[in-house]
Amino acid sequence: MKRWLSYLFYFVTTIAVTYVFQLVILFYISGMRFTAADRSPTVDIDIGAKIMFSIGIPVFYFIGLIIFFFFYRSVLELFKIELKNMLPICFNTFITLCLIVLFTRFAFDFSFFH
């Protein structure tokens, strides 16, 4: 029971932090576009920034999630609770893929629903 509660706490924490993280990044990209529109109508985020936002930031976020998981796992080992690696790493990979799709759609201005 302690193991499943530990997994649940990790997943809920990861989802909450990811939600806040994606909101901050989306507001940041929107703010960059807003200031670019103020300068002149032809200025937009360059391709390097779009790639960084769509792939780079989610990959670094994935690395941060993995580091957080291994730290969390080492803390739980002090309380004799052992967590397996497979489920959280698959969950972190799924979150990263979702962030890549979301940020790519937003940064490159793709609209799949028109």
N, C-alpha and C. Protein backbone atom coordinates (compact mmCIF):
# COMPACT_ATOMS: atom_id res chain seq x y z
N MET A 1 0.82 -1.19 0.00
CA MET A 1 0.00 0.00 0.00
C MET A 1 0.86 1.26 0.00
N LYS A 2 1.97 1.22 0.76
CA LYS A 2 2.85 2.39 0.81
C LYS A 2 3.46 2.65 -0.55
N ARG A 3 3.74 1.58 -1.28
CA ARG A 3 4.36 1.75 -2.61
C ARG A 3 3.39 2.46 -3.55
N TRP A 4 2.11 2.04 -3.56
CA TRP A 4 1.15 2.66 -4.47
C TRP A 4 0.86 4.11 -4.09
N LEU A 5 0.86 4.40 -2.79
CA LEU A 5 0.69 5.79 -2.37
C LEU A 5 1.91 6.63 -2.78
N SER A 6 3.07 6.03 -2.74
CA SER A 6 4.28 6.74 -3.17
C SER A 6 4.23 7.02 -4.66
N TYR A 7 3.79 6.02 -5.45
CA TYR A 7 3.62 6.24 -6.88
C TYR A 7 2.58 7.34 -7.14
N LEU A 8 1.46 7.26 -6.43
CA LEU A 8 0.39 8.23 -6.61
C LEU A 8 0.88 9.64 -6.28
N PHE A 9 1.63 9.79 -5.19
CA PHE A 9 2.15 11.10 -4.84
C PHE A 9 3.10 11.60 -5.93
N TYR A 10 3.94 10.72 -6.46
CA TYR A 10 4.86 11.13 -7.51
C TYR A 10 4.10 11.57 -8.77
N PHE A 11 3.10 10.80 -9.17
CA PHE A 11 2.35 11.13 -10.38
C PHE A 11 1.55 12.42 -10.23
N VAL A 12 0.92 12.62 -9.09
CA VAL A 12 0.15 13.84 -8.87
C VAL A 12 1.08 15.05 -8.83
N THR A 13 2.21 14.92 -8.18
CA THR A 13 3.19 16.01 -8.14
C THR A 13 3.71 16.32 -9.54
N THR A 14 4.02 15.29 -10.30
CA THR A 14 4.52 15.47 -11.66
C THR A 14 3.48 16.15 -12.55
N ILE A 15 2.25 15.73 -12.45
CA ILE A 15 1.18 16.33 -13.26
C ILE A 15 0.98 17.80 -12.87
N ALA A 16 0.98 18.10 -11.58
CA ALA A 16 0.78 19.49 -11.14
C ALA A 16 1.94 20.38 -11.60
N VAL A 17 3.16 19.92 -11.44
CA VAL A 17 4.32 20.72 -11.85
C VAL A 17 4.34 20.87 -13.36
N THR A 18 3.98 19.83 -14.09
CA THR A 18 3.95 19.91 -15.55
C THR A 18 2.89 20.89 -16.03
N TYR A 19 1.75 20.90 -15.38
CA TYR A 19 0.69 21.84 -15.76
C TYR A 19 1.17 23.29 -15.58
N VAL A 20 1.78 23.58 -14.44
CA VAL A 20 2.28 24.93 -14.20
C VAL A 20 3.40 25.26 -15.17
N PHE A 21 4.30 24.30 -15.42
CA PHE A 21 5.41 24.49 -16.35
C PHE A 21 4.91 24.82 -17.75
N GLN A 22 3.94 24.06 -18.25
CA GLN A 22 3.46 24.32 -19.60
C GLN A 22 2.72 25.64 -19.69
N LEU A 23 2.01 26.04 -18.64
CA LEU A 23 1.37 27.35 -18.64
C LEU A 23 2.40 28.48 -18.70
N VAL A 24 3.45 28.36 -17.91
CA VAL A 24 4.50 29.39 -17.90
C VAL A 24 5.16 29.49 -19.27
N ILE A 25 5.49 28.35 -19.89
CA ILE A 25 6.14 28.38 -21.20
C ILE A 25 5.21 28.94 -22.26
N LEU A 26 3.93 28.57 -22.23
CA LEU A 26 2.99 29.11 -23.22
C LEU A 26 2.81 30.61 -23.05
N PHE A 27 2.74 31.09 -21.82
CA PHE A 27 2.66 32.54 -21.60
C PHE A 27 3.94 33.23 -22.05
N TYR A 28 5.07 32.59 -21.85
CA TYR A 28 6.35 33.17 -22.27
C TYR A 28 6.42 33.29 -23.80
N ILE A 29 6.00 32.23 -24.50
CA ILE A 29 5.99 32.27 -25.96
C ILE A 29 5.01 33.34 -26.44
N SER A 30 3.85 33.41 -25.82
CA SER A 30 2.87 34.43 -26.20
C SER A 30 3.41 35.83 -25.95
N GLY A 31 4.13 36.00 -24.86
CA GLY A 31 4.73 37.29 -24.57
C GLY A 31 5.80 37.66 -25.59
N MET A 32 6.57 36.68 -26.04
CA MET A 32 7.57 36.95 -27.07
C MET A 32 6.88 37.36 -28.36
N ARG A 33 5.80 36.70 -28.70
CA ARG A 33 5.08 37.06 -29.92
C ARG A 33 4.44 38.43 -29.80
N PHE A 34 3.96 38.77 -28.61
CA PHE A 34 3.33 40.06 -28.41
C PHE A 34 4.35 41.18 -28.58
N THR A 35 5.54 41.01 -27.99
CA THR A 35 6.56 42.05 -28.14
C THR A 35 7.10 42.07 -29.56
N ALA A 36 7.13 40.91 -30.23
CA ALA A 36 7.56 40.90 -31.63
C ALA A 36 6.56 41.63 -32.51
N ALA A 37 5.29 41.53 -32.19
CA ALA A 37 4.26 42.22 -32.97
C ALA A 37 4.32 43.73 -32.74
N ASP A 38 4.79 44.14 -31.58
CA ASP A 38 4.93 45.57 -31.31
C ASP A 38 6.04 46.21 -32.13
N ARG A 39 7.09 45.44 -32.40
CA ARG A 39 8.23 46.01 -33.12
C ARG A 39 7.91 46.25 -34.58
N SER A 40 7.46 45.24 -35.23
CA SER A 40 7.02 45.38 -36.63
C SER A 40 6.19 44.16 -36.97
N PRO A 41 5.32 44.27 -37.94
CA PRO A 41 4.43 43.16 -38.25
C PRO A 41 5.13 41.94 -38.84
N THR A 42 6.34 42.07 -39.36
CA THR A 42 6.98 40.92 -39.99
C THR A 42 7.89 40.15 -39.04
N VAL A 43 8.13 40.64 -37.83
CA VAL A 43 9.03 39.98 -36.89
C VAL A 43 8.26 38.91 -36.13
N ASP A 44 8.85 37.72 -36.05
CA ASP A 44 8.27 36.62 -35.29
C ASP A 44 9.43 35.88 -34.64
N ILE A 45 9.12 34.87 -33.91
CA ILE A 45 10.14 34.05 -33.28
C ILE A 45 10.92 33.34 -34.39
N ASP A 46 12.24 33.36 -34.31
CA ASP A 46 13.03 32.71 -35.36
C ASP A 46 12.99 31.20 -35.20
N ILE A 47 13.49 30.50 -36.21
CA ILE A 47 13.38 29.03 -36.26
C ILE A 47 14.17 28.36 -35.13
N GLY A 48 15.29 28.96 -34.74
CA GLY A 48 16.07 28.39 -33.64
C GLY A 48 15.30 28.41 -32.33
N ALA A 49 14.60 29.51 -32.07
CA ALA A 49 13.80 29.60 -30.84
C ALA A 49 12.61 28.65 -30.91
N LYS A 50 12.03 28.50 -32.08
CA LYS A 50 10.91 27.56 -32.22
C LYS A 50 11.34 26.13 -31.94
N ILE A 51 12.51 25.75 -32.45
CA ILE A 51 13.03 24.40 -32.20
C ILE A 51 13.38 24.23 -30.73
N MET A 52 13.98 25.27 -30.14
CA MET A 52 14.33 25.20 -28.73
C MET A 52 13.07 25.02 -27.87
N PHE A 53 12.01 25.77 -28.18
CA PHE A 53 10.78 25.66 -27.41
C PHE A 53 10.06 24.34 -27.66
N SER A 54 10.10 23.84 -28.89
CA SER A 54 9.32 22.65 -29.20
C SER A 54 10.03 21.36 -28.83
N ILE A 55 11.35 21.32 -28.87
CA ILE A 55 12.07 20.08 -28.57
C ILE A 55 13.02 20.23 -27.39
N GLY A 56 13.79 21.30 -27.37
CA GLY A 56 14.82 21.47 -26.36
C GLY A 56 14.29 21.56 -24.94
N ILE A 57 13.32 22.42 -24.73
CA ILE A 57 12.79 22.61 -23.38
C ILE A 57 12.10 21.34 -22.86
N PRO A 58 11.27 20.63 -23.65
CA PRO A 58 10.70 19.38 -23.12
C PRO A 58 11.76 18.31 -22.81
N VAL A 59 12.83 18.26 -23.59
CA VAL A 59 13.88 17.27 -23.32
C VAL A 59 14.58 17.61 -22.00
N PHE A 60 14.89 18.89 -21.78
CA PHE A 60 15.49 19.28 -20.50
C PHE A 60 14.52 19.07 -19.35
N TYR A 61 13.25 19.26 -19.59
CA TYR A 61 12.24 19.00 -18.56
C TYR A 61 12.20 17.51 -18.24
N PHE A 62 12.32 16.65 -19.26
CA PHE A 62 12.37 15.21 -19.05
C PHE A 62 13.57 14.84 -18.18
N ILE A 63 14.71 15.43 -18.46
CA ILE A 63 15.90 15.17 -17.64
C ILE A 63 15.66 15.62 -16.20
N GLY A 64 15.01 16.77 -16.03
CA GLY A 64 14.67 17.23 -14.68
C GLY A 64 13.71 16.28 -13.97
N LEU A 65 12.73 15.74 -14.70
CA LEU A 65 11.81 14.77 -14.10
C LEU A 65 12.53 13.50 -13.68
N ILE A 66 13.46 13.04 -14.50
CA ILE A 66 14.21 11.83 -14.16
C ILE A 66 15.07 12.07 -12.92
N ILE A 67 15.73 13.22 -12.87
CA ILE A 67 16.54 13.54 -11.69
C ILE A 67 15.66 13.62 -10.45
N PHE A 68 14.48 14.26 -10.58
CA PHE A 68 13.56 14.33 -9.45
C PHE A 68 13.10 12.94 -9.02
N PHE A 69 12.82 12.06 -9.97
CA PHE A 69 12.38 10.71 -9.62
C PHE A 69 13.46 9.95 -8.87
N PHE A 70 14.69 10.02 -9.34
CA PHE A 70 15.76 9.29 -8.66
C PHE A 70 16.04 9.87 -7.28
N PHE A 71 15.90 11.18 -7.12
CA PHE A 71 16.02 11.77 -5.79
C PHE A 71 14.88 11.31 -4.90
N TYR A 72 13.66 11.32 -5.42
CA TYR A 72 12.48 10.87 -4.67
C TYR A 72 12.62 9.41 -4.28
N ARG A 73 13.11 8.61 -5.23
CA ARG A 73 13.31 7.18 -4.96
C ARG A 73 14.36 6.96 -3.87
N SER A 74 15.44 7.73 -3.89
CA SER A 74 16.47 7.57 -2.86
C SER A 74 15.97 8.00 -1.49
N VAL A 75 15.09 9.01 -1.44
CA VAL A 75 14.51 9.41 -0.16
C VAL A 75 13.59 8.31 0.36
N LEU A 76 12.81 7.71 -0.52
CA LEU A 76 11.90 6.64 -0.09
C LEU A 76 12.64 5.39 0.35
N GLU A 77 13.83 5.16 -0.20
CA GLU A 77 14.61 4.00 0.24
C GLU A 77 15.03 4.13 1.70
N LEU A 78 15.13 5.34 2.20
CA LEU A 78 15.42 5.53 3.62
C LEU A 78 14.28 5.01 4.50
N PHE A 79 13.06 5.01 3.96
CA PHE A 79 11.90 4.52 4.68
C PHE A 79 11.52 3.09 4.28
N LYS A 80 12.44 2.41 3.61
CA LYS A 80 12.25 1.01 3.19
C LYS A 80 11.10 0.84 2.19
N ILE A 81 10.88 1.85 1.35
CA ILE A 81 9.90 1.76 0.28
C ILE A 81 10.67 1.77 -1.03
N GLU A 82 10.54 0.69 -1.80
CA GLU A 82 11.29 0.59 -3.05
C GLU A 82 10.36 0.78 -4.24
N LEU A 83 10.73 1.67 -5.12
CA LEU A 83 9.96 1.93 -6.33
C LEU A 83 10.70 1.37 -7.54
N LYS A 84 9.95 0.86 -8.48
CA LYS A 84 10.53 0.38 -9.74
C LYS A 84 10.73 1.55 -10.68
N ASN A 85 11.64 1.40 -11.63
CA ASN A 85 11.96 2.47 -12.57
C ASN A 85 11.02 2.54 -13.76
N MET A 86 10.47 1.44 -14.19
CA MET A 86 9.80 1.35 -15.48
C MET A 86 8.57 2.25 -15.59
N LEU A 87 7.65 2.17 -14.65
CA LEU A 87 6.40 2.93 -14.74
C LEU A 87 6.63 4.44 -14.71
N PRO A 88 7.41 4.99 -13.77
CA PRO A 88 7.62 6.45 -13.79
C PRO A 88 8.39 6.94 -15.02
N ILE A 89 9.34 6.16 -15.51
CA ILE A 89 10.08 6.59 -16.69
C ILE A 89 9.17 6.58 -17.92
N CYS A 90 8.31 5.59 -18.04
CA CYS A 90 7.33 5.58 -19.14
C CYS A 90 6.37 6.77 -19.01
N PHE A 91 5.95 7.07 -17.79
CA PHE A 91 5.07 8.21 -17.55
C PHE A 91 5.76 9.52 -17.92
N ASN A 92 7.03 9.66 -17.53
CA ASN A 92 7.79 10.87 -17.87
C ASN A 92 7.99 10.99 -19.38
N THR A 93 8.19 9.87 -20.05
CA THR A 93 8.33 9.89 -21.51
C THR A 93 7.03 10.32 -22.16
N PHE A 94 5.91 9.83 -21.68
CA PHE A 94 4.60 10.23 -22.20
C PHE A 94 4.37 11.73 -22.01
N ILE A 95 4.70 12.24 -20.83
CA ILE A 95 4.55 13.67 -20.57
C ILE A 95 5.42 14.48 -21.50
N THR A 96 6.65 14.03 -21.72
CA THR A 96 7.57 14.75 -22.61
C THR A 96 7.05 14.75 -24.04
N LEU A 97 6.54 13.64 -24.51
CA LEU A 97 5.99 13.59 -25.87
C LEU A 97 4.77 14.51 -26.00
N CYS A 98 3.94 14.55 -24.99
CA CYS A 98 2.79 15.47 -25.02
C CYS A 98 3.24 16.92 -25.03
N LEU A 99 4.27 17.25 -24.25
CA LEU A 99 4.79 18.62 -24.25
C LEU A 99 5.41 18.98 -25.60
N ILE A 100 6.10 18.03 -26.23
CA ILE A 100 6.69 18.29 -27.54
C ILE A 100 5.59 18.60 -28.56
N VAL A 101 4.52 17.82 -28.55
CA VAL A 101 3.42 18.06 -29.48
C VAL A 101 2.76 19.41 -29.19
N LEU A 102 2.49 19.69 -27.92
CA LEU A 102 1.84 20.95 -27.55
C LEU A 102 2.70 22.15 -27.91
N PHE A 103 3.97 22.12 -27.55
CA PHE A 103 4.84 23.26 -27.82
C PHE A 103 5.12 23.41 -29.30
N THR A 104 5.19 22.31 -30.04
CA THR A 104 5.40 22.41 -31.49
C THR A 104 4.19 23.06 -32.15
N ARG A 105 3.00 22.63 -31.77
CA ARG A 105 1.79 23.24 -32.32
C ARG A 105 1.73 24.72 -31.99
N PHE A 106 2.11 25.09 -30.78
CA PHE A 106 2.00 26.47 -30.36
C PHE A 106 3.12 27.34 -30.94
N ALA A 107 4.34 26.84 -30.94
CA ALA A 107 5.48 27.64 -31.41
C ALA A 107 5.44 27.84 -32.92
N PHE A 108 5.10 26.78 -33.66
CA PHE A 108 5.07 26.88 -35.11
C PHE A 108 3.71 27.34 -35.64
N ASP A 109 2.80 27.61 -34.75
CA ASP A 109 1.47 28.10 -35.09
C ASP A 109 0.68 27.14 -35.96
N PHE A 110 0.81 25.83 -35.69
CA PHE A 110 0.01 24.84 -36.40
C PHE A 110 -1.36 24.79 -35.76
N SER A 111 -2.36 24.71 -36.58
CA SER A 111 -3.70 24.56 -36.06
C SER A 111 -4.34 23.36 -36.75
N PHE A 112 -4.51 22.29 -36.00
CA PHE A 112 -5.05 21.06 -36.57
C PHE A 112 -6.57 21.03 -36.59
N PHE A 113 -7.20 22.03 -36.00
CA PHE A 113 -8.64 21.97 -35.85
C PHE A 113 -9.38 22.96 -36.73
N HIS A 114 -8.74 23.53 -37.73
CA HIS A 114 -9.43 24.45 -38.63
C HIS A 114 -9.98 23.74 -39.82
